[in-house]
Amino acid sequence: MNEHPSFLALDRHALGASTPEVAAHVGACSVCRAHLDAVSVAAPIPPRVLGLRPSAPWWKQRWFQVLLPVAAALVMVVLISARPADELRAKGPPTAIAWVKRGDDVSQWKGAPLTVGDSVRFQVAPEGLSRVTVIDGTTRTVLYEALVKETTMTPAWTLDGTPGGDVVWVVLSNDVVTPAIIEACDGVAVWCRRFDLRAGSR
């Protein structure tokens, strides 16, 4: 047994799903408290996003002033001729992507090998579903669960190199799910994606 709890156990502690043993250890261990402080820090916004500058308001732009009369006419045509079925628009499918933080660098994970110390969090777009659940595929435990209305980010987890425990399922659904759902994701009532986050995996 390791002297310290695994990083997954510490992350569960940070999310309020601790055990008495882990809580007692954290209270007496400065190293584990430092890890909890580190994973609580939000990932930095990429510099390319910070460098964006807003353009002039759309209602002040030349193209809007030119196209407004044309757009108004088109709207009238659509309102007159459209049937109720035309008001329905298909949405895209739900998605989940992983973001990796290595040192100060944050990037979307596209299958490159992971290393011990990498932090991973998931960005989900529910697209009509209302709940995200992150499930440990090895221990069949729920790591995170929340209601979502739009694209959002989960908390971060740090790879510690411990065998097992790093296969993660991200599940989007409308109802509360149990870990057993990963055995029967049907793509209708729920949507699932499996991430193999073991160090060195692809």
N, C-alpha and C. Protein backbone atom coordinates (compact mmCIF):
# COMPACT_ATOMS: atom_id res chain seq x y z
N MET A 1 0.84 -1.21 0.00
CA MET A 1 0.00 0.00 0.00
C MET A 1 0.87 1.25 0.00
N ASN A 2 0.49 2.25 -0.76
CA ASN A 2 1.25 3.51 -0.81
C ASN A 2 1.12 4.28 0.49
N GLU A 3 2.10 5.12 0.75
CA GLU A 3 2.06 5.93 1.96
C GLU A 3 0.95 6.97 1.87
N HIS A 4 0.72 7.47 0.67
CA HIS A 4 -0.31 8.48 0.47
C HIS A 4 -1.49 7.87 -0.29
N PRO A 5 -2.70 8.43 -0.13
CA PRO A 5 -3.82 7.99 -0.97
C PRO A 5 -3.52 8.29 -2.43
N SER A 6 -4.18 7.55 -3.34
CA SER A 6 -3.99 7.83 -4.78
C SER A 6 -4.55 9.19 -5.11
N PHE A 7 -4.12 9.74 -6.26
CA PHE A 7 -4.63 11.04 -6.70
C PHE A 7 -6.13 10.99 -6.93
N LEU A 8 -6.64 9.84 -7.44
CA LEU A 8 -8.09 9.74 -7.64
C LEU A 8 -8.82 9.81 -6.29
N ALA A 9 -8.26 9.17 -5.26
CA ALA A 9 -8.88 9.24 -3.94
C ALA A 9 -8.85 10.67 -3.40
N LEU A 10 -7.74 11.38 -3.64
CA LEU A 10 -7.67 12.78 -3.20
C LEU A 10 -8.64 13.65 -3.98
N ASP A 11 -8.80 13.37 -5.30
CA ASP A 11 -9.75 14.16 -6.09
C ASP A 11 -11.18 13.90 -5.63
N ARG A 12 -11.47 12.65 -5.29
CA ARG A 12 -12.81 12.37 -4.75
C ARG A 12 -13.01 13.11 -3.42
N HIS A 13 -11.95 13.20 -2.62
CA HIS A 13 -12.02 13.96 -1.37
C HIS A 13 -12.34 15.43 -1.66
N ALA A 14 -11.69 15.99 -2.70
CA ALA A 14 -11.93 17.39 -3.06
C ALA A 14 -13.36 17.62 -3.51
N LEU A 15 -13.98 16.58 -4.08
CA LEU A 15 -15.36 16.70 -4.56
C LEU A 15 -16.39 16.36 -3.49
N GLY A 16 -15.92 16.06 -2.26
CA GLY A 16 -16.85 15.78 -1.17
C GLY A 16 -17.23 14.31 -1.05
N ALA A 17 -16.51 13.42 -1.73
CA ALA A 17 -16.83 11.99 -1.68
C ALA A 17 -15.66 11.24 -1.03
N SER A 18 -15.23 11.74 0.11
CA SER A 18 -14.05 11.19 0.78
C SER A 18 -14.41 9.99 1.66
N THR A 19 -13.38 9.33 2.16
CA THR A 19 -13.53 8.30 3.19
C THR A 19 -12.89 8.82 4.47
N PRO A 20 -13.27 8.28 5.61
CA PRO A 20 -12.66 8.74 6.87
C PRO A 20 -11.13 8.61 6.87
N GLU A 21 -10.62 7.53 6.22
CA GLU A 21 -9.17 7.34 6.21
C GLU A 21 -8.47 8.44 5.41
N VAL A 22 -9.05 8.76 4.23
CA VAL A 22 -8.44 9.80 3.39
C VAL A 22 -8.54 11.15 4.08
N ALA A 23 -9.71 11.46 4.67
CA ALA A 23 -9.89 12.73 5.35
C ALA A 23 -8.89 12.89 6.50
N ALA A 24 -8.67 11.82 7.25
CA ALA A 24 -7.72 11.88 8.36
C ALA A 24 -6.29 12.08 7.84
N HIS A 25 -5.97 11.39 6.74
CA HIS A 25 -4.62 11.54 6.17
C HIS A 25 -4.38 12.96 5.68
N VAL A 26 -5.37 13.51 4.97
CA VAL A 26 -5.22 14.87 4.43
C VAL A 26 -5.03 15.88 5.55
N GLY A 27 -5.73 15.67 6.66
CA GLY A 27 -5.62 16.60 7.77
C GLY A 27 -4.22 16.64 8.36
N ALA A 28 -3.45 15.55 8.16
CA ALA A 28 -2.12 15.50 8.76
C ALA A 28 -0.98 15.55 7.75
N CYS A 29 -1.31 15.61 6.47
CA CYS A 29 -0.26 15.50 5.44
C CYS A 29 -0.21 16.76 4.59
N SER A 30 0.88 17.49 4.66
CA SER A 30 1.01 18.73 3.89
C SER A 30 1.18 18.44 2.40
N VAL A 31 1.77 17.30 2.04
CA VAL A 31 1.96 16.96 0.62
C VAL A 31 0.60 16.76 -0.06
N CYS A 32 -0.29 16.03 0.58
CA CYS A 32 -1.61 15.78 0.00
C CYS A 32 -2.45 17.05 -0.01
N ARG A 33 -2.29 17.89 1.01
CA ARG A 33 -3.02 19.17 1.00
C ARG A 33 -2.54 20.04 -0.15
N ALA A 34 -1.23 20.00 -0.44
CA ALA A 34 -0.70 20.78 -1.56
C ALA A 34 -1.28 20.28 -2.88
N HIS A 35 -1.44 18.95 -3.01
CA HIS A 35 -2.07 18.42 -4.23
C HIS A 35 -3.50 18.92 -4.35
N LEU A 36 -4.25 18.91 -3.27
CA LEU A 36 -5.64 19.39 -3.31
C LEU A 36 -5.69 20.86 -3.69
N ASP A 37 -4.75 21.64 -3.19
CA ASP A 37 -4.71 23.07 -3.58
C ASP A 37 -4.43 23.21 -5.07
N ALA A 38 -3.54 22.35 -5.59
CA ALA A 38 -3.15 22.47 -7.01
C ALA A 38 -4.30 22.12 -7.94
N VAL A 39 -5.06 21.05 -7.64
CA VAL A 39 -6.15 20.64 -8.55
C VAL A 39 -7.35 21.54 -8.42
N SER A 40 -7.38 22.38 -7.39
CA SER A 40 -8.51 23.29 -7.23
C SER A 40 -8.35 24.54 -8.07
N VAL A 41 -7.15 24.74 -8.63
CA VAL A 41 -6.91 25.94 -9.43
C VAL A 41 -7.47 25.72 -10.83
N ALA A 42 -8.26 26.65 -11.29
CA ALA A 42 -8.85 26.54 -12.63
C ALA A 42 -7.77 26.58 -13.69
N ALA A 43 -7.97 25.80 -14.76
CA ALA A 43 -7.00 25.81 -15.86
C ALA A 43 -6.96 27.18 -16.50
N PRO A 44 -5.76 27.65 -16.87
CA PRO A 44 -5.66 28.99 -17.45
C PRO A 44 -6.32 29.07 -18.81
N ILE A 45 -6.80 30.25 -19.14
CA ILE A 45 -7.37 30.47 -20.46
C ILE A 45 -6.22 30.56 -21.46
N PRO A 46 -6.30 29.82 -22.59
CA PRO A 46 -5.20 29.89 -23.56
C PRO A 46 -4.95 31.31 -24.03
N PRO A 47 -3.65 31.68 -24.22
CA PRO A 47 -3.31 33.05 -24.63
C PRO A 47 -4.02 33.48 -25.91
N ARG A 48 -4.24 32.55 -26.84
CA ARG A 48 -4.90 32.95 -28.10
C ARG A 48 -6.32 33.43 -27.85
N VAL A 49 -6.94 32.93 -26.77
CA VAL A 49 -8.29 33.40 -26.44
C VAL A 49 -8.22 34.78 -25.78
N LEU A 50 -7.23 34.95 -24.90
CA LEU A 50 -7.08 36.24 -24.24
C LEU A 50 -6.77 37.34 -25.23
N GLY A 51 -6.12 36.99 -26.36
CA GLY A 51 -5.74 38.00 -27.33
C GLY A 51 -6.88 38.47 -28.22
N LEU A 52 -8.03 37.82 -28.14
CA LEU A 52 -9.14 38.22 -28.99
C LEU A 52 -9.70 39.56 -28.54
N ARG A 53 -10.07 40.36 -29.47
CA ARG A 53 -10.64 41.67 -29.18
C ARG A 53 -12.01 41.77 -29.82
N PRO A 54 -13.00 42.30 -29.10
CA PRO A 54 -14.35 42.38 -29.68
C PRO A 54 -14.40 43.37 -30.82
N SER A 55 -15.20 43.04 -31.81
CA SER A 55 -15.41 43.97 -32.92
C SER A 55 -16.53 44.93 -32.55
N ALA A 56 -16.82 45.84 -33.45
CA ALA A 56 -17.90 46.80 -33.22
C ALA A 56 -19.22 46.04 -33.07
N PRO A 57 -20.17 46.58 -32.30
CA PRO A 57 -21.47 45.91 -32.15
C PRO A 57 -22.08 45.63 -33.52
N TRP A 58 -22.73 44.47 -33.62
CA TRP A 58 -23.24 44.06 -34.93
C TRP A 58 -24.23 45.05 -35.50
N TRP A 59 -25.00 45.73 -34.65
CA TRP A 59 -26.00 46.66 -35.19
C TRP A 59 -25.39 47.93 -35.78
N LYS A 60 -24.08 48.15 -35.50
CA LYS A 60 -23.41 49.32 -36.04
C LYS A 60 -22.60 49.01 -37.29
N GLN A 61 -22.52 47.74 -37.65
CA GLN A 61 -21.69 47.38 -38.78
C GLN A 61 -22.43 47.60 -40.09
N ARG A 62 -21.66 47.91 -41.12
CA ARG A 62 -22.21 48.28 -42.43
C ARG A 62 -23.07 47.17 -43.02
N TRP A 63 -22.59 45.93 -42.90
CA TRP A 63 -23.32 44.83 -43.51
C TRP A 63 -24.72 44.69 -42.94
N PHE A 64 -24.85 44.98 -41.62
CA PHE A 64 -26.17 44.86 -41.00
C PHE A 64 -27.12 45.92 -41.55
N GLN A 65 -26.62 47.14 -41.71
CA GLN A 65 -27.47 48.22 -42.20
C GLN A 65 -27.91 47.96 -43.64
N VAL A 66 -27.05 47.29 -44.43
CA VAL A 66 -27.39 46.99 -45.82
C VAL A 66 -28.37 45.82 -45.91
N LEU A 67 -28.14 44.80 -45.08
CA LEU A 67 -28.92 43.57 -45.20
C LEU A 67 -30.23 43.58 -44.41
N LEU A 68 -30.42 44.54 -43.52
CA LEU A 68 -31.62 44.55 -42.69
C LEU A 68 -32.91 44.52 -43.50
N PRO A 69 -33.06 45.38 -44.52
CA PRO A 69 -34.31 45.33 -45.30
C PRO A 69 -34.52 43.98 -45.99
N VAL A 70 -33.42 43.41 -46.52
CA VAL A 70 -33.53 42.11 -47.19
C VAL A 70 -33.93 41.03 -46.20
N ALA A 71 -33.31 41.04 -45.03
CA ALA A 71 -33.62 40.04 -44.01
C ALA A 71 -35.06 40.15 -43.56
N ALA A 72 -35.56 41.38 -43.40
CA ALA A 72 -36.95 41.57 -42.98
C ALA A 72 -37.90 40.99 -44.00
N ALA A 73 -37.60 41.18 -45.28
CA ALA A 73 -38.46 40.63 -46.33
C ALA A 73 -38.45 39.10 -46.31
N LEU A 74 -37.27 38.52 -46.12
CA LEU A 74 -37.17 37.06 -46.08
C LEU A 74 -37.92 36.48 -44.89
N VAL A 75 -37.86 37.16 -43.75
CA VAL A 75 -38.58 36.70 -42.57
C VAL A 75 -40.08 36.67 -42.84
N MET A 76 -40.57 37.69 -43.50
CA MET A 76 -42.00 37.74 -43.82
C MET A 76 -42.39 36.57 -44.72
N VAL A 77 -41.55 36.26 -45.71
CA VAL A 77 -41.85 35.14 -46.60
C VAL A 77 -41.90 33.83 -45.83
N VAL A 78 -40.92 33.63 -44.93
CA VAL A 78 -40.87 32.40 -44.15
C VAL A 78 -42.08 32.28 -43.24
N LEU A 79 -42.46 33.36 -42.57
CA LEU A 79 -43.60 33.31 -41.66
C LEU A 79 -44.89 32.99 -42.40
N ILE A 80 -45.00 33.45 -43.62
CA ILE A 80 -46.23 33.22 -44.37
C ILE A 80 -46.29 31.78 -44.89
N SER A 81 -45.14 31.26 -45.35
CA SER A 81 -45.16 29.97 -46.05
C SER A 81 -44.77 28.78 -45.19
N ALA A 82 -44.14 29.01 -44.06
CA ALA A 82 -43.63 27.87 -43.28
C ALA A 82 -44.75 27.10 -42.61
N ARG A 83 -44.57 25.80 -42.54
CA ARG A 83 -45.48 24.94 -41.80
C ARG A 83 -44.88 24.68 -40.42
N PRO A 84 -45.68 24.21 -39.44
CA PRO A 84 -45.15 23.98 -38.09
C PRO A 84 -43.92 23.09 -38.07
N ALA A 85 -43.87 22.09 -38.97
CA ALA A 85 -42.73 21.18 -38.96
C ALA A 85 -41.44 21.90 -39.32
N ASP A 86 -41.56 22.99 -40.08
CA ASP A 86 -40.36 23.71 -40.48
C ASP A 86 -39.68 24.41 -39.31
N GLU A 87 -40.39 24.56 -38.18
CA GLU A 87 -39.81 25.26 -37.04
C GLU A 87 -38.83 24.38 -36.28
N LEU A 88 -38.89 23.06 -36.54
CA LEU A 88 -38.01 22.14 -35.84
C LEU A 88 -36.65 22.11 -36.52
N ARG A 89 -35.63 22.18 -35.75
CA ARG A 89 -34.27 22.12 -36.28
C ARG A 89 -33.50 21.04 -35.54
N ALA A 90 -32.86 20.16 -36.28
CA ALA A 90 -32.09 19.09 -35.65
C ALA A 90 -30.83 19.66 -35.01
N LYS A 91 -30.56 19.23 -33.81
CA LYS A 91 -29.33 19.64 -33.14
C LYS A 91 -28.23 18.64 -33.44
N GLY A 92 -27.00 19.05 -33.15
CA GLY A 92 -25.89 18.13 -33.30
C GLY A 92 -25.91 17.11 -32.17
N PRO A 93 -25.12 16.05 -32.30
CA PRO A 93 -25.08 15.03 -31.24
C PRO A 93 -24.34 15.55 -30.02
N PRO A 94 -24.59 14.95 -28.85
CA PRO A 94 -23.80 15.32 -27.66
C PRO A 94 -22.33 15.02 -27.91
N THR A 95 -21.47 15.73 -27.21
CA THR A 95 -20.03 15.51 -27.35
C THR A 95 -19.35 15.61 -26.00
N ALA A 96 -18.20 14.99 -25.91
CA ALA A 96 -17.34 15.12 -24.73
C ALA A 96 -15.90 15.07 -25.23
N ILE A 97 -15.10 16.03 -24.82
CA ILE A 97 -13.68 16.03 -25.18
C ILE A 97 -12.86 16.20 -23.91
N ALA A 98 -11.64 15.70 -23.95
CA ALA A 98 -10.75 15.79 -22.79
C ALA A 98 -9.73 16.90 -23.02
N TRP A 99 -9.47 17.66 -21.96
CA TRP A 99 -8.42 18.68 -21.97
C TRP A 99 -7.34 18.25 -21.00
N VAL A 100 -6.09 18.36 -21.43
CA VAL A 100 -4.95 17.92 -20.61
C VAL A 100 -4.13 19.13 -20.20
N LYS A 101 -3.79 19.19 -18.92
CA LYS A 101 -2.88 20.22 -18.42
C LYS A 101 -1.58 19.54 -18.02
N ARG A 102 -0.49 19.95 -18.68
CA ARG A 102 0.83 19.41 -18.37
C ARG A 102 1.72 20.60 -18.05
N GLY A 103 2.05 20.77 -16.78
CA GLY A 103 2.77 21.96 -16.36
C GLY A 103 1.85 23.16 -16.52
N ASP A 104 2.28 24.14 -17.30
CA ASP A 104 1.46 25.33 -17.56
C ASP A 104 0.72 25.24 -18.89
N ASP A 105 0.92 24.14 -19.64
CA ASP A 105 0.30 24.02 -20.96
C ASP A 105 -1.04 23.29 -20.86
N VAL A 106 -2.04 23.83 -21.54
CA VAL A 106 -3.36 23.22 -21.60
C VAL A 106 -3.70 23.00 -23.07
N SER A 107 -4.10 21.76 -23.43
CA SER A 107 -4.44 21.47 -24.81
C SER A 107 -5.48 20.37 -24.85
N GLN A 108 -6.20 20.30 -25.98
CA GLN A 108 -7.18 19.24 -26.16
C GLN A 108 -6.46 17.92 -26.37
N TRP A 109 -6.91 16.88 -25.66
CA TRP A 109 -6.28 15.57 -25.77
C TRP A 109 -6.77 14.89 -27.04
N LYS A 110 -5.82 14.50 -27.91
CA LYS A 110 -6.16 13.85 -29.16
C LYS A 110 -5.49 12.48 -29.27
N GLY A 111 -5.22 11.87 -28.13
CA GLY A 111 -4.67 10.53 -28.13
C GLY A 111 -3.19 10.44 -27.87
N ALA A 112 -2.51 11.59 -27.67
CA ALA A 112 -1.07 11.54 -27.38
C ALA A 112 -0.84 10.84 -26.04
N PRO A 113 0.30 10.17 -25.89
CA PRO A 113 0.56 9.47 -24.62
C PRO A 113 0.48 10.43 -23.43
N LEU A 114 -0.12 9.95 -22.34
CA LEU A 114 -0.22 10.73 -21.12
C LEU A 114 0.88 10.30 -20.16
N THR A 115 1.23 11.18 -19.23
CA THR A 115 2.26 10.88 -18.25
C THR A 115 1.75 11.16 -16.85
N VAL A 116 2.41 10.54 -15.88
CA VAL A 116 2.06 10.79 -14.48
C VAL A 116 2.18 12.29 -14.19
N GLY A 117 1.19 12.85 -13.54
CA GLY A 117 1.18 14.27 -13.23
C GLY A 117 0.31 15.08 -14.16
N ASP A 118 -0.07 14.52 -15.32
CA ASP A 118 -1.00 15.22 -16.20
C ASP A 118 -2.36 15.34 -15.52
N SER A 119 -2.98 16.50 -15.65
CA SER A 119 -4.34 16.69 -15.15
C SER A 119 -5.30 16.67 -16.33
N VAL A 120 -6.44 16.00 -16.15
CA VAL A 120 -7.42 15.85 -17.22
C VAL A 120 -8.78 16.31 -16.73
N ARG A 121 -9.47 17.10 -17.56
CA ARG A 121 -10.86 17.46 -17.29
C ARG A 121 -11.62 17.35 -18.59
N PHE A 122 -12.95 17.26 -18.49
CA PHE A 122 -13.77 17.00 -19.65
C PHE A 122 -14.69 18.18 -19.94
N GLN A 123 -14.80 18.49 -21.23
CA GLN A 123 -15.74 19.50 -21.69
C GLN A 123 -16.89 18.77 -22.38
N VAL A 124 -18.12 19.01 -21.92
CA VAL A 124 -19.26 18.31 -22.47
C VAL A 124 -20.26 19.30 -23.07
N ALA A 125 -20.89 18.88 -24.16
CA ALA A 125 -21.99 19.62 -24.77
C ALA A 125 -23.19 18.69 -24.74
N PRO A 126 -24.18 18.93 -23.86
CA PRO A 126 -25.26 17.96 -23.65
C PRO A 126 -26.23 17.84 -24.82
N GLU A 127 -26.44 18.92 -25.59
CA GLU A 127 -27.32 18.88 -26.77
C GLU A 127 -28.65 18.19 -26.49
N GLY A 128 -29.43 18.75 -25.58
CA GLY A 128 -30.75 18.22 -25.30
C GLY A 128 -30.81 17.33 -24.07
N LEU A 129 -29.67 16.83 -23.60
CA LEU A 129 -29.62 16.06 -22.36
C LEU A 129 -29.31 17.02 -21.21
N SER A 130 -29.51 16.57 -19.99
CA SER A 130 -29.47 17.53 -18.88
C SER A 130 -28.57 17.14 -17.72
N ARG A 131 -27.86 16.03 -17.83
CA ARG A 131 -27.05 15.58 -16.69
C ARG A 131 -25.76 14.97 -17.20
N VAL A 132 -24.65 15.30 -16.52
CA VAL A 132 -23.37 14.67 -16.85
C VAL A 132 -22.93 13.84 -15.65
N THR A 133 -22.45 12.63 -15.93
CA THR A 133 -21.93 11.74 -14.89
C THR A 133 -20.59 11.20 -15.37
N VAL A 134 -19.56 11.32 -14.52
CA VAL A 134 -18.24 10.77 -14.84
C VAL A 134 -18.05 9.54 -13.96
N ILE A 135 -17.76 8.41 -14.60
CA ILE A 135 -17.71 7.12 -13.90
C ILE A 135 -16.33 6.50 -14.05
N ASP A 136 -15.76 6.04 -12.93
CA ASP A 136 -14.51 5.27 -12.96
C ASP A 136 -14.83 3.89 -13.53
N GLY A 137 -14.30 3.57 -14.71
CA GLY A 137 -14.64 2.33 -15.37
C GLY A 137 -14.06 1.10 -14.70
N THR A 138 -13.05 1.28 -13.85
CA THR A 138 -12.44 0.13 -13.18
C THR A 138 -13.16 -0.20 -11.88
N THR A 139 -13.37 0.81 -11.04
CA THR A 139 -13.99 0.56 -9.74
C THR A 139 -15.51 0.69 -9.77
N ARG A 140 -16.06 1.15 -10.93
CA ARG A 140 -17.50 1.35 -11.08
C ARG A 140 -18.04 2.30 -10.01
N THR A 141 -17.34 3.41 -9.82
CA THR A 141 -17.82 4.44 -8.89
C THR A 141 -18.05 5.74 -9.65
N VAL A 142 -18.98 6.54 -9.14
CA VAL A 142 -19.27 7.84 -9.74
C VAL A 142 -18.27 8.85 -9.21
N LEU A 143 -17.50 9.47 -10.12
CA LEU A 143 -16.51 10.47 -9.72
C LEU A 143 -17.10 11.87 -9.68
N TYR A 144 -18.10 12.11 -10.52
CA TYR A 144 -18.67 13.46 -10.62
C TYR A 144 -20.05 13.35 -11.24
N GLU A 145 -20.97 14.20 -10.76
CA GLU A 145 -22.32 14.21 -11.31
C GLU A 145 -22.89 15.61 -11.14
N ALA A 146 -23.54 16.12 -12.19
CA ALA A 146 -24.11 17.47 -12.12
C ALA A 146 -25.16 17.65 -13.20
N LEU A 147 -26.07 18.59 -12.95
CA LEU A 147 -27.03 19.00 -13.96
C LEU A 147 -26.35 20.02 -14.88
N VAL A 148 -26.62 19.93 -16.17
CA VAL A 148 -26.02 20.86 -17.12
C VAL A 148 -27.09 21.35 -18.09
N LYS A 149 -26.96 22.60 -18.52
CA LYS A 149 -27.89 23.17 -19.50
C LYS A 149 -27.19 23.49 -20.81
N GLU A 150 -25.88 23.63 -20.77
CA GLU A 150 -25.12 23.99 -21.96
C GLU A 150 -23.71 23.47 -21.81
N THR A 151 -22.86 23.77 -22.77
CA THR A 151 -21.47 23.30 -22.73
C THR A 151 -20.81 23.71 -21.42
N THR A 152 -20.16 22.76 -20.77
CA THR A 152 -19.56 23.02 -19.47
C THR A 152 -18.32 22.16 -19.28
N MET A 153 -17.56 22.46 -18.23
CA MET A 153 -16.34 21.70 -17.90
C MET A 153 -16.53 20.98 -16.57
N THR A 154 -15.98 19.79 -16.48
CA THR A 154 -15.97 19.05 -15.22
C THR A 154 -14.75 19.47 -14.40
N PRO A 155 -14.65 19.02 -13.15
CA PRO A 155 -13.40 19.21 -12.40
C PRO A 155 -12.26 18.44 -13.07
N ALA A 156 -11.05 18.65 -12.57
CA ALA A 156 -9.87 17.99 -13.13
C ALA A 156 -9.44 16.83 -12.24
N TRP A 157 -8.87 15.80 -12.89
CA TRP A 157 -8.27 14.67 -12.19
C TRP A 157 -6.82 14.55 -12.64
N THR A 158 -5.93 14.11 -11.73
CA THR A 158 -4.51 14.01 -12.04
C THR A 158 -4.08 12.55 -12.09
N LEU A 159 -3.38 12.15 -13.14
CA LEU A 159 -2.90 10.78 -13.27
C LEU A 159 -1.77 10.54 -12.29
N ASP A 160 -1.86 9.43 -11.54
CA ASP A 160 -0.84 9.14 -10.55
C ASP A 160 -0.02 7.89 -10.85
N GLY A 161 -0.32 7.22 -11.96
CA GLY A 161 0.47 6.05 -12.33
C GLY A 161 0.07 4.77 -11.64
N THR A 162 -0.91 4.82 -10.73
CA THR A 162 -1.37 3.61 -10.05
C THR A 162 -2.09 2.72 -11.05
N PRO A 163 -1.77 1.42 -11.11
CA PRO A 163 -2.44 0.53 -12.06
C PRO A 163 -3.96 0.55 -11.84
N GLY A 164 -4.70 0.64 -12.94
CA GLY A 164 -6.16 0.64 -12.86
C GLY A 164 -6.70 1.98 -12.41
N GLY A 165 -8.00 2.16 -12.54
CA GLY A 165 -8.65 3.35 -12.03
C GLY A 165 -8.58 4.55 -12.95
N ASP A 166 -8.00 4.41 -14.15
CA ASP A 166 -7.86 5.55 -15.03
C ASP A 166 -8.64 5.38 -16.33
N VAL A 167 -9.53 4.41 -16.38
CA VAL A 167 -10.47 4.30 -17.50
C VAL A 167 -11.74 5.01 -17.06
N VAL A 168 -12.09 6.06 -17.77
CA VAL A 168 -13.18 6.93 -17.34
C VAL A 168 -14.26 6.97 -18.41
N TRP A 169 -15.50 6.90 -17.97
CA TRP A 169 -16.65 7.04 -18.85
C TRP A 169 -17.32 8.37 -18.56
N VAL A 170 -17.64 9.12 -19.62
CA VAL A 170 -18.44 10.34 -19.49
C VAL A 170 -19.82 10.01 -20.05
N VAL A 171 -20.85 10.17 -19.21
CA VAL A 171 -22.21 9.80 -19.58
C VAL A 171 -23.08 11.05 -19.55
N LEU A 172 -23.83 11.27 -20.61
CA LEU A 172 -24.81 12.36 -20.67
C LEU A 172 -26.20 11.74 -20.72
N SER A 173 -27.10 12.24 -19.88
CA SER A 173 -28.43 11.64 -19.77
C SER A 173 -29.41 12.67 -19.27
N ASN A 174 -30.68 12.27 -19.19
CA ASN A 174 -31.70 13.13 -18.59
C ASN A 174 -32.02 12.69 -17.17
N ASP A 175 -31.76 11.43 -16.86
CA ASP A 175 -32.07 10.88 -15.55
C ASP A 175 -30.80 10.47 -14.83
N VAL A 176 -30.89 10.29 -13.52
CA VAL A 176 -29.76 9.79 -12.73
C VAL A 176 -29.39 8.40 -13.23
N VAL A 177 -28.10 8.14 -13.40
CA VAL A 177 -27.64 6.83 -13.85
C VAL A 177 -26.74 6.21 -12.80
N THR A 178 -26.62 4.90 -12.86
CA THR A 178 -25.69 4.17 -12.00
C THR A 178 -24.51 3.71 -12.85
N PRO A 179 -23.39 3.35 -12.22
CA PRO A 179 -22.24 2.90 -13.01
C PRO A 179 -22.54 1.74 -13.95
N ALA A 180 -23.58 0.96 -13.66
CA ALA A 180 -23.91 -0.17 -14.53
C ALA A 180 -24.31 0.28 -15.92
N ILE A 181 -24.63 1.55 -16.10
CA ILE A 181 -25.08 2.05 -17.41
C ILE A 181 -24.02 1.88 -18.47
N ILE A 182 -22.74 1.84 -18.07
CA ILE A 182 -21.68 1.74 -19.07
C ILE A 182 -21.68 0.39 -19.78
N GLU A 183 -22.43 -0.57 -19.24
CA GLU A 183 -22.53 -1.87 -19.89
C GLU A 183 -23.61 -1.88 -20.95
N ALA A 184 -24.45 -0.84 -20.98
CA ALA A 184 -25.59 -0.86 -21.91
C ALA A 184 -25.92 0.52 -22.43
N CYS A 185 -24.91 1.30 -22.81
CA CYS A 185 -25.19 2.62 -23.38
C CYS A 185 -25.87 2.41 -24.73
N ASP A 186 -27.06 2.99 -24.88
CA ASP A 186 -27.82 2.72 -26.11
C ASP A 186 -27.86 3.91 -27.05
N GLY A 187 -27.30 5.07 -26.65
CA GLY A 187 -27.26 6.20 -27.55
C GLY A 187 -28.57 6.92 -27.72
N VAL A 188 -29.61 6.51 -27.01
CA VAL A 188 -30.91 7.18 -27.10
C VAL A 188 -31.24 7.84 -25.77
N ALA A 189 -31.49 7.02 -24.74
CA ALA A 189 -31.79 7.58 -23.42
C ALA A 189 -30.54 8.17 -22.77
N VAL A 190 -29.38 7.62 -23.13
CA VAL A 190 -28.12 8.14 -22.60
C VAL A 190 -27.10 8.18 -23.74
N TRP A 191 -26.02 8.92 -23.50
CA TRP A 191 -24.92 9.00 -24.45
C TRP A 191 -23.64 8.81 -23.65
N CYS A 192 -22.75 7.95 -24.14
CA CYS A 192 -21.53 7.63 -23.38
C CYS A 192 -20.29 7.75 -24.27
N ARG A 193 -19.18 8.08 -23.62
CA ARG A 193 -17.88 8.00 -24.29
C ARG A 193 -16.85 7.51 -23.29
N ARG A 194 -16.01 6.57 -23.73
CA ARG A 194 -14.98 5.98 -22.89
C ARG A 194 -13.64 6.66 -23.16
N PHE A 195 -12.92 7.01 -22.09
CA PHE A 195 -11.59 7.60 -22.19
C PHE A 195 -10.61 6.70 -21.43
N ASP A 196 -9.57 6.23 -22.11
CA ASP A 196 -8.52 5.44 -21.46
C ASP A 196 -7.40 6.40 -21.11
N LEU A 197 -7.33 6.81 -19.84
CA LEU A 197 -6.40 7.85 -19.41
C LEU A 197 -5.18 7.29 -18.68
N ARG A 198 -4.95 6.01 -18.78
CA ARG A 198 -3.77 5.46 -18.12
C ARG A 198 -2.50 6.05 -18.71
N ALA A 199 -1.52 6.29 -17.86
CA ALA A 199 -0.27 6.88 -18.32
C ALA A 199 0.31 6.04 -19.45
N GLY A 200 0.64 6.71 -20.55
CA GLY A 200 1.19 6.02 -21.70
C GLY A 200 0.16 5.50 -22.67
N SER A 201 -1.14 5.70 -22.35
CA SER A 201 -2.20 5.22 -23.25
C SER A 201 -2.38 6.17 -24.41
N ARG A 202 -3.16 5.72 -25.39
CA ARG A 202 -3.50 6.56 -26.54
C ARG A 202 -5.01 6.56 -26.72
